[in-house]
Amino acid sequence: MASDNEIQYAIMNGINFAKAKGEKKEDPNKVKTKARKKAYQTGSHKSGAAKHKAEIRQRVKNRASQRKG
């Protein structure tokens, strides 16, 4: 059971329910942001909106005015 001092401290200062900080683990197999962005821009992650935008980008890229040379 908590002592009177601890109870008084909690009443006066409040109780912090923040998550305890732990070690961050780097996963070597984790997909980097650039790869995820590429998947979104090409529409390969099954999103209808992303596929539509990718089609529009492809049409713009294939226009004669956008080609180099």
PDB file of N, CA and C in Angstrom:
ATOM      1  N   MET A   1       0.842  -1.175   0.000  1.00  0.00           N
ATOM      2  CA  MET A   1       0.000   0.000   0.000  1.00  0.00           C
ATOM      3  C   MET A   1       0.886   1.238   0.000  1.00  0.00           C
ATOM      4  N   ALA A   2       0.373   2.306  -0.583  1.00  0.00           N
ATOM      5  CA  ALA A   2       1.142   3.545  -0.696  1.00  0.00           C
ATOM      6  C   ALA A   2       1.172   4.275   0.637  1.00  0.00           C
ATOM      7  N   SER A   3       2.289   4.941   0.883  1.00  0.00           N
ATOM      8  CA  SER A   3       2.423   5.700   2.134  1.00  0.00           C
ATOM      9  C   SER A   3       1.646   7.014   2.025  1.00  0.00           C
ATOM     10  N   ASP A   4       1.477   7.683   3.163  1.00  0.00           N
ATOM     11  CA  ASP A   4       0.756   8.964   3.172  1.00  0.00           C
ATOM     12  C   ASP A   4       1.475  10.006   2.325  1.00  0.00           C
ATOM     13  N   ASN A   5       2.813   9.971   2.337  1.00  0.00           N
ATOM     14  CA  ASN A   5       3.576  10.931   1.527  1.00  0.00           C
ATOM     15  C   ASN A   5       3.324  10.722   0.032  1.00  0.00           C
ATOM     16  N   GLU A   6       3.292   9.477  -0.400  1.00  0.00           N
ATOM     17  CA  GLU A   6       3.053   9.179  -1.810  1.00  0.00           C
ATOM     18  C   GLU A   6       1.647   9.594  -2.227  1.00  0.00           C
ATOM     19  N   ILE A   7       0.687   9.363  -1.358  1.00  0.00           N
ATOM     20  CA  ILE A   7      -0.696   9.747  -1.648  1.00  0.00           C
ATOM     21  C   ILE A   7      -0.815  11.263  -1.724  1.00  0.00           C
ATOM     22  N   GLN A   8      -0.200  11.953  -0.794  1.00  0.00           N
ATOM     23  CA  GLN A   8      -0.231  13.419  -0.778  1.00  0.00           C
ATOM     24  C   GLN A   8       0.441  13.980  -2.052  1.00  0.00           C
ATOM     25  N   TYR A   9       1.570  13.374  -2.447  1.00  0.00           N
ATOM     26  CA  TYR A   9       2.273  13.810  -3.647  1.00  0.00           C
ATOM     27  C   TYR A   9       1.379  13.620  -4.883  1.00  0.00           C
ATOM     28  N   ALA A  10       0.694  12.488  -4.956  1.00  0.00           N
ATOM     29  CA  ALA A  10      -0.184  12.208  -6.091  1.00  0.00           C
ATOM     30  C   ALA A  10      -1.348  13.184  -6.137  1.00  0.00           C
ATOM     31  N   ILE A  11      -1.876  13.542  -4.976  1.00  0.00           N
ATOM     32  CA  ILE A  11      -2.988  14.492  -4.923  1.00  0.00           C
ATOM     33  C   ILE A  11      -2.528  15.873  -5.382  1.00  0.00           C
ATOM     34  N   MET A  12      -1.363  16.296  -4.928  1.00  0.00           N
ATOM     35  CA  MET A  12      -0.866  17.644  -5.236  1.00  0.00           C
ATOM     36  C   MET A  12      -0.328  17.752  -6.673  1.00  0.00           C
ATOM     37  N   ASN A  13       0.369  16.729  -7.146  1.00  0.00           N
ATOM     38  CA  ASN A  13       1.048  16.826  -8.441  1.00  0.00           C
ATOM     39  C   ASN A  13       0.397  16.004  -9.551  1.00  0.00           C
ATOM     40  N   GLY A  14      -0.514  15.150  -9.228  1.00  0.00           N
ATOM     41  CA  GLY A  14      -1.162  14.327 -10.238  1.00  0.00           C
ATOM     42  C   GLY A  14      -0.373  13.063 -10.520  1.00  0.00           C
ATOM     43  N   ILE A  15      -0.957  12.224 -11.335  1.00  0.00           N
ATOM     44  CA  ILE A  15      -0.341  10.951 -11.691  1.00  0.00           C
ATOM     45  C   ILE A  15      -0.078  10.957 -13.188  1.00  0.00           C
ATOM     46  N   ASN A  16       1.109  10.541 -13.577  1.00  0.00           N
ATOM     47  CA  ASN A  16       1.482  10.493 -14.981  1.00  0.00           C
ATOM     48  C   ASN A  16       1.311   9.066 -15.489  1.00  0.00           C
ATOM     49  N   PHE A  17       0.454   8.897 -16.492  1.00  0.00           N
ATOM     50  CA  PHE A  17       0.199   7.578 -17.064  1.00  0.00           C
ATOM     51  C   PHE A  17       0.891   7.417 -18.411  1.00  0.00           C
ATOM     52  N   ALA A  18       2.009   8.068 -18.623  1.00  0.00           N
ATOM     53  CA  ALA A  18       2.733   7.992 -19.886  1.00  0.00           C
ATOM     54  C   ALA A  18       3.349   6.607 -20.061  1.00  0.00           C
ATOM     55  N   LYS A  19       3.494   6.235 -21.322  1.00  0.00           N
ATOM     56  CA  LYS A  19       4.089   4.947 -21.646  1.00  0.00           C
ATOM     57  C   LYS A  19       5.575   4.979 -21.314  1.00  0.00           C
ATOM     58  N   ALA A  20       6.060   3.899 -20.750  1.00  0.00           N
ATOM     59  CA  ALA A  20       7.475   3.816 -20.400  1.00  0.00           C
ATOM     60  C   ALA A  20       8.315   3.783 -21.666  1.00  0.00           C
ATOM     61  N   LYS A  21       9.436   4.479 -21.651  1.00  0.00           N
ATOM     62  CA  LYS A  21      10.314   4.508 -22.809  1.00  0.00           C
ATOM     63  C   LYS A  21      11.157   3.243 -22.835  1.00  0.00           C
ATOM     64  N   GLY A  22      11.174   2.614 -23.973  1.00  0.00           N
ATOM     65  CA  GLY A  22      11.951   1.389 -24.126  1.00  0.00           C
ATOM     66  C   GLY A  22      12.974   1.562 -25.225  1.00  0.00           C
ATOM     67  N   GLU A  23      13.744   0.549 -25.449  1.00  0.00           N
ATOM     68  CA  GLU A  23      14.748   0.593 -26.495  1.00  0.00           C
ATOM     69  C   GLU A  23      14.081   0.502 -27.862  1.00  0.00           C
ATOM     70  N   LYS A  24      14.603   1.269 -28.794  1.00  0.00           N
ATOM     71  CA  LYS A  24      14.109   1.183 -30.162  1.00  0.00           C
ATOM     72  C   LYS A  24      14.910   0.129 -30.890  1.00  0.00           C
ATOM     73  N   LYS A  25      14.211  -0.776 -31.521  1.00  0.00           N
ATOM     74  CA  LYS A  25      14.869  -1.847 -32.261  1.00  0.00           C
ATOM     75  C   LYS A  25      14.773  -1.539 -33.752  1.00  0.00           C
ATOM     76  N   GLU A  26      15.899  -1.548 -34.433  1.00  0.00           N
ATOM     77  CA  GLU A  26      15.926  -1.341 -35.870  1.00  0.00           C
ATOM     78  C   GLU A  26      15.767  -2.692 -36.557  1.00  0.00           C
ATOM     79  N   ASP A  27      14.740  -2.804 -37.341  1.00  0.00           N
ATOM     80  CA  ASP A  27      14.503  -4.036 -38.077  1.00  0.00           C
ATOM     81  C   ASP A  27      15.227  -3.955 -39.421  1.00  0.00           C
ATOM     82  N   PRO A  28      16.187  -4.816 -39.669  1.00  0.00           N
ATOM     83  CA  PRO A  28      16.947  -4.725 -40.931  1.00  0.00           C
ATOM     84  C   PRO A  28      16.104  -5.031 -42.160  1.00  0.00           C
ATOM     85  N   ASN A  29      14.976  -5.708 -41.994  1.00  0.00           N
ATOM     86  CA  ASN A  29      14.122  -6.065 -43.134  1.00  0.00           C
ATOM     87  C   ASN A  29      13.003  -5.058 -43.368  1.00  0.00           C
ATOM     88  N   LYS A  30      12.997  -3.978 -42.608  1.00  0.00           N
ATOM     89  CA  LYS A  30      11.932  -2.991 -42.717  1.00  0.00           C
ATOM     90  C   LYS A  30      12.025  -2.244 -44.041  1.00  0.00           C
ATOM     91  N   VAL A  31      10.870  -2.008 -44.651  1.00  0.00           N
ATOM     92  CA  VAL A  31      10.831  -1.295 -45.921  1.00  0.00           C
ATOM     93  C   VAL A  31      11.052   0.188 -45.660  1.00  0.00           C
ATOM     94  N   LYS A  32      11.929   0.775 -46.426  1.00  0.00           N
ATOM     95  CA  LYS A  32      12.241   2.193 -46.263  1.00  0.00           C
ATOM     96  C   LYS A  32      11.147   3.045 -46.894  1.00  0.00           C
ATOM     97  N   THR A  33      11.096   4.311 -46.511  1.00  0.00           N
ATOM     98  CA  THR A  33      10.068   5.236 -46.981  1.00  0.00           C
ATOM     99  C   THR A  33      10.089   5.389 -48.495  1.00  0.00           C
ATOM    100  N   LYS A  34      11.270   5.457 -49.081  1.00  0.00           N
ATOM    101  CA  LYS A  34      11.373   5.657 -50.509  1.00  0.00           C
ATOM    102  C   LYS A  34      10.693   4.514 -51.272  1.00  0.00           C
ATOM    103  N   ALA A  35      10.869   3.300 -50.806  1.00  0.00           N
ATOM    104  CA  ALA A  35      10.247   2.145 -51.459  1.00  0.00           C
ATOM    105  C   ALA A  35       8.732   2.201 -51.325  1.00  0.00           C
ATOM    106  N   ARG A  36       8.245   2.596 -50.171  1.00  0.00           N
ATOM    107  CA  ARG A  36       6.798   2.691 -49.991  1.00  0.00           C
ATOM    108  C   ARG A  36       6.217   3.785 -50.881  1.00  0.00           C
ATOM    109  N   LYS A  37       6.952   4.891 -50.998  1.00  0.00           N
ATOM    110  CA  LYS A  37       6.499   5.986 -51.842  1.00  0.00           C
ATOM    111  C   LYS A  37       6.429   5.526 -53.299  1.00  0.00           C
ATOM    112  N   LYS A  38       7.424   4.765 -53.714  1.00  0.00           N
ATOM    113  CA  LYS A  38       7.455   4.240 -55.082  1.00  0.00           C
ATOM    114  C   LYS A  38       6.242   3.350 -55.329  1.00  0.00           C
ATOM    115  N   ALA A  39       5.924   2.492 -54.366  1.00  0.00           N
ATOM    116  CA  ALA A  39       4.768   1.600 -54.508  1.00  0.00           C
ATOM    117  C   ALA A  39       3.484   2.406 -54.610  1.00  0.00           C
ATOM    118  N   TYR A  40       3.383   3.491 -53.853  1.00  0.00           N
ATOM    119  CA  TYR A  40       2.169   4.305 -53.911  1.00  0.00           C
ATOM    120  C   TYR A  40       2.083   5.022 -55.249  1.00  0.00           C
ATOM    121  N   GLN A  41       3.195   5.584 -55.704  1.00  0.00           N
ATOM    122  CA  GLN A  41       3.167   6.355 -56.944  1.00  0.00           C
ATOM    123  C   GLN A  41       2.895   5.489 -58.163  1.00  0.00           C
ATOM    124  N   THR A  42       3.298   4.240 -58.124  1.00  0.00           N
ATOM    125  CA  THR A  42       3.042   3.364 -59.256  1.00  0.00           C
ATOM    126  C   THR A  42       1.692   2.668 -59.140  1.00  0.00           C
ATOM    127  N   GLY A  43       1.021   2.809 -57.997  1.00  0.00           N
ATOM    128  CA  GLY A  43      -0.294   2.210 -57.816  1.00  0.00           C
ATOM    129  C   GLY A  43      -0.247   0.727 -57.545  1.00  0.00           C
ATOM    130  N   SER A  44       0.911   0.217 -57.155  1.00  0.00           N
ATOM    131  CA  SER A  44       1.047  -1.231 -56.992  1.00  0.00           C
ATOM    132  C   SER A  44       0.590  -1.737 -55.630  1.00  0.00           C
ATOM    133  N   HIS A  45       0.069  -0.879 -54.775  1.00  0.00           N
ATOM    134  CA  HIS A  45      -0.339  -1.357 -53.455  1.00  0.00           C
ATOM    135  C   HIS A  45      -1.856  -1.500 -53.332  1.00  0.00           C
ATOM    136  N   LYS A  46      -2.525  -1.640 -54.458  1.00  0.00           N
ATOM    137  CA  LYS A  46      -3.954  -1.983 -54.537  1.00  0.00           C
ATOM    138  C   LYS A  46      -4.908  -0.852 -54.174  1.00  0.00           C
ATOM    139  N   SER A  47      -4.434   0.381 -54.130  1.00  0.00           N
ATOM    140  CA  SER A  47      -5.327   1.500 -53.857  1.00  0.00           C
ATOM    141  C   SER A  47      -5.875   2.017 -55.173  1.00  0.00           C
ATOM    142  N   GLY A  48      -7.192   2.132 -55.268  1.00  0.00           N
ATOM    143  CA  GLY A  48      -7.811   2.605 -56.502  1.00  0.00           C
ATOM    144  C   GLY A  48      -7.383   4.007 -56.865  1.00  0.00           C
ATOM    145  N   ALA A  49      -7.318   4.898 -55.869  1.00  0.00           N
ATOM    146  CA  ALA A  49      -6.920   6.281 -56.118  1.00  0.00           C
ATOM    147  C   ALA A  49      -5.476   6.342 -56.602  1.00  0.00           C
ATOM    148  N   ALA A  50      -4.607   5.531 -56.003  1.00  0.00           N
ATOM    149  CA  ALA A  50      -3.201   5.526 -56.398  1.00  0.00           C
ATOM    150  C   ALA A  50      -3.049   4.995 -57.819  1.00  0.00           C
ATOM    151  N   LYS A  51      -3.820   3.974 -58.169  1.00  0.00           N
ATOM    152  CA  LYS A  51      -3.754   3.433 -59.528  1.00  0.00           C
ATOM    153  C   LYS A  51      -4.208   4.480 -60.538  1.00  0.00           C
ATOM    154  N   HIS A  52      -5.268   5.188 -60.195  1.00  0.00           N
ATOM    155  CA  HIS A  52      -5.782   6.228 -61.089  1.00  0.00           C
ATOM    156  C   HIS A  52      -4.750   7.330 -61.285  1.00  0.00           C
ATOM    157  N   LYS A  53      -4.150   7.779 -60.191  1.00  0.00           N
ATOM    158  CA  LYS A  53      -3.129   8.819 -60.274  1.00  0.00           C
ATOM    159  C   LYS A  53      -1.922   8.328 -61.075  1.00  0.00           C
ATOM    160  N   ALA A  54      -1.553   7.058 -60.911  1.00  0.00           N
ATOM    161  CA  ALA A  54      -0.424   6.500 -61.648  1.00  0.00           C
ATOM    162  C   ALA A  54      -0.726   6.474 -63.144  1.00  0.00           C
ATOM    163  N   GLU A  55      -1.966   6.145 -63.499  1.00  0.00           N
ATOM    164  CA  GLU A  55      -2.350   6.155 -64.906  1.00  0.00           C
ATOM    165  C   GLU A  55      -2.248   7.556 -65.489  1.00  0.00           C
ATOM    166  N   ILE A  56      -2.696   8.549 -64.742  1.00  0.00           N
ATOM    167  CA  ILE A  56      -2.619   9.944 -65.192  1.00  0.00           C
ATOM    168  C   ILE A  56      -1.168  10.356 -65.367  1.00  0.00           C
ATOM    169  N   ARG A  57      -0.317  10.004 -64.410  1.00  0.00           N
ATOM    170  CA  ARG A  57       1.108  10.336 -64.517  1.00  0.00           C
ATOM    171  C   ARG A  57       1.727   9.694 -65.758  1.00  0.00           C
ATOM    172  N   GLN A  58       1.330   8.453 -66.030  1.00  0.00           N
ATOM    173  CA  GLN A  58       1.868   7.744 -67.188  1.00  0.00           C
ATOM    174  C   GLN A  58       1.421   8.408 -68.479  1.00  0.00           C
ATOM    175  N   ARG A  59       0.160   8.830 -68.549  1.00  0.00           N
ATOM    176  CA  ARG A  59      -0.334   9.513 -69.754  1.00  0.00           C
ATOM    177  C   ARG A  59       0.385  10.835 -69.970  1.00  0.00           C
ATOM    178  N   VAL A  60       0.604  11.585 -68.905  1.00  0.00           N
ATOM    179  CA  VAL A  60       1.319  12.862 -69.008  1.00  0.00           C
ATOM    180  C   VAL A  60       2.750  12.612 -69.482  1.00  0.00           C
ATOM    181  N   LYS A  61       3.379  11.596 -68.920  1.00  0.00           N
ATOM    182  CA  LYS A  61       4.761  11.269 -69.279  1.00  0.00           C
ATOM    183  C   LYS A  61       4.877  10.869 -70.751  1.00  0.00           C
ATOM    184  N   ASN A  62       3.859  10.212 -71.289  1.00  0.00           N
ATOM    185  CA  ASN A  62       3.902   9.727 -72.663  1.00  0.00           C
ATOM    186  C   ASN A  62       3.469  10.758 -73.697  1.00  0.00           C
ATOM    187  N   ARG A  63       3.055  11.942 -73.265  1.00  0.00           N
ATOM    188  CA  ARG A  63       2.674  12.983 -74.218  1.00  0.00           C
ATOM    189  C   ARG A  63       3.885  13.396 -75.041  1.00  0.00           C
ATOM    190  N   ALA A  64       3.637  13.759 -76.293  1.00  0.00           N
ATOM    191  CA  ALA A  64       4.737  14.178 -77.163  1.00  0.00           C
ATOM    192  C   ALA A  64       5.431  15.412 -76.619  1.00  0.00           C
ATOM    193  N   SER A  65       4.694  16.306 -75.979  1.00  0.00           N
ATOM    194  CA  SER A  65       5.298  17.532 -75.463  1.00  0.00           C
ATOM    195  C   SER A  65       6.164  17.279 -74.238  1.00  0.00           C
ATOM    196  N   GLN A  66       6.006  16.115 -73.593  1.00  0.00           N
ATOM    197  CA  GLN A  66       6.762  15.804 -72.396  1.00  0.00           C
ATOM    198  C   GLN A  66       7.997  14.942 -72.690  1.00  0.00           C
ATOM    199  N   ARG A  67       8.086  14.414 -73.905  1.00  0.00           N
ATOM    200  CA  ARG A  67       9.212  13.546 -74.243  1.00  0.00           C
ATOM    201  C   ARG A  67      10.444  14.363 -74.562  1.00  0.00           C
ATOM    202  N   LYS A  68      11.569  13.825 -74.205  1.00  0.00           N
ATOM    203  CA  LYS A  68      12.833  14.481 -74.539  1.00  0.00           C
ATOM    204  C   LYS A  68      13.298  14.030 -75.913  1.00  0.00           C
ATOM    205  N   GLY A  69      13.859  14.972 -76.655  1.00  0.00           N
ATOM    206  CA  GLY A  69      14.463  14.581 -77.926  1.00  0.00           C
ATOM    207  C   GLY A  69      13.753  15.002 -79.116  1.00  0.00           C
TER     208      GLY A  69
END
